[in-house]
Amino acid sequence: MIEVTGAATIAEDPSLVELEISVKPGDEVRPLTWSEDRVGHVIARGATADEAIANCERLLAAVRIDTEPVT
């Protein structure tokens, strides 16, 4: 993994309950084949389940994890 961007931008969003990024620059990011391969998660709230899901998707879209291929 090279860089994570956008996490600071969403940190103050009132719908954000929890943001965890579990990788740092230099870590290997593997293809997602089981839960241990996840690189983080977002939990958001909303007035309805649909709104909470939409908020999660919006917050996730603002975070970018840049990687480079392993040679």
Protein backbone atom coordinates (compact mmCIF):
# COMPACT_ATOMS: atom_id res chain seq x y z
CA MET A 1 0.00 0.00 0.00
CA ILE A 2 1.29 3.44 -0.90
CA GLU A 3 -1.14 5.97 0.55
CA VAL A 4 -4.57 6.51 2.12
CA THR A 5 -6.40 9.74 1.29
CA GLY A 6 -9.78 11.10 2.28
CA ALA A 7 -9.94 9.70 5.82
CA ALA A 8 -9.38 13.11 7.40
CA THR A 9 -12.05 14.62 5.15
CA ILE A 10 -14.80 12.30 6.40
CA ALA A 11 -13.66 12.25 10.05
CA GLU A 12 -15.96 15.15 10.96
CA ASP A 13 -19.02 13.88 9.05
CA PRO A 14 -21.94 13.61 11.51
CA SER A 15 -23.13 10.33 10.01
CA LEU A 16 -19.76 8.63 10.63
CA VAL A 17 -19.80 6.27 13.60
CA GLU A 18 -16.48 4.52 13.02
CA LEU A 19 -13.68 4.54 10.47
CA GLU A 20 -10.84 2.06 10.69
CA ILE A 21 -7.99 1.77 8.21
CA SER A 22 -5.89 -1.23 9.16
CA VAL A 23 -3.08 -0.83 6.63
CA LYS A 24 -0.22 1.63 6.45
CA PRO A 25 2.28 2.56 3.73
CA GLY A 26 4.47 -0.41 2.92
CA ASP A 27 1.88 -3.04 3.91
CA GLU A 28 0.87 -5.68 1.40
CA VAL A 29 -2.78 -5.52 0.36
CA ARG A 30 -3.99 -8.95 -0.66
CA PRO A 31 -7.04 -9.79 -2.77
CA LEU A 32 -10.13 -10.02 -0.58
CA THR A 33 -10.74 -13.73 -0.11
CA TRP A 34 -11.79 -13.77 3.54
CA SER A 35 -12.40 -11.31 6.37
CA GLU A 36 -8.75 -11.14 7.48
CA ASP A 37 -7.87 -9.58 4.09
CA ARG A 38 -9.99 -6.47 4.72
CA VAL A 39 -8.09 -3.18 4.89
CA GLY A 40 -10.61 -1.39 7.10
CA HIS A 41 -14.24 -0.52 7.54
CA VAL A 42 -16.75 2.30 7.79
CA ILE A 43 -19.84 2.35 10.02
CA ALA A 44 -22.39 5.13 9.48
CA ARG A 45 -25.77 6.09 10.87
CA GLY A 46 -28.94 7.33 9.27
CA ALA A 47 -32.60 7.92 10.09
CA THR A 48 -33.41 4.70 8.19
CA ALA A 49 -31.45 1.64 7.16
CA ASP A 50 -31.43 2.87 3.56
CA GLU A 51 -30.04 6.24 4.66
CA ALA A 52 -27.33 4.56 6.75
CA ILE A 53 -26.33 2.41 3.77
CA ALA A 54 -26.26 5.47 1.49
CA ASN A 55 -24.11 7.32 4.04
CA CYS A 56 -21.68 4.37 4.20
CA GLU A 57 -21.40 4.29 0.43
CA ARG A 58 -20.86 8.07 0.28
CA LEU A 59 -18.17 7.95 2.98
CA LEU A 60 -16.44 4.97 1.40
CA ALA A 61 -16.36 6.76 -1.95
CA ALA A 62 -14.43 9.62 -0.31
CA VAL A 63 -11.63 7.35 0.96
CA ARG A 64 -8.97 6.13 -1.44
CA ILE A 65 -6.33 3.48 -0.78
CA ASP A 66 -3.63 3.60 -3.42
CA THR A 67 -1.61 0.47 -4.08
CA GLU A 68 1.03 -0.63 -6.52
CA PRO A 69 1.34 -4.04 -8.14
CA VAL A 70 3.81 -6.50 -6.66
CA THR A 71 6.48 -7.37 -9.19
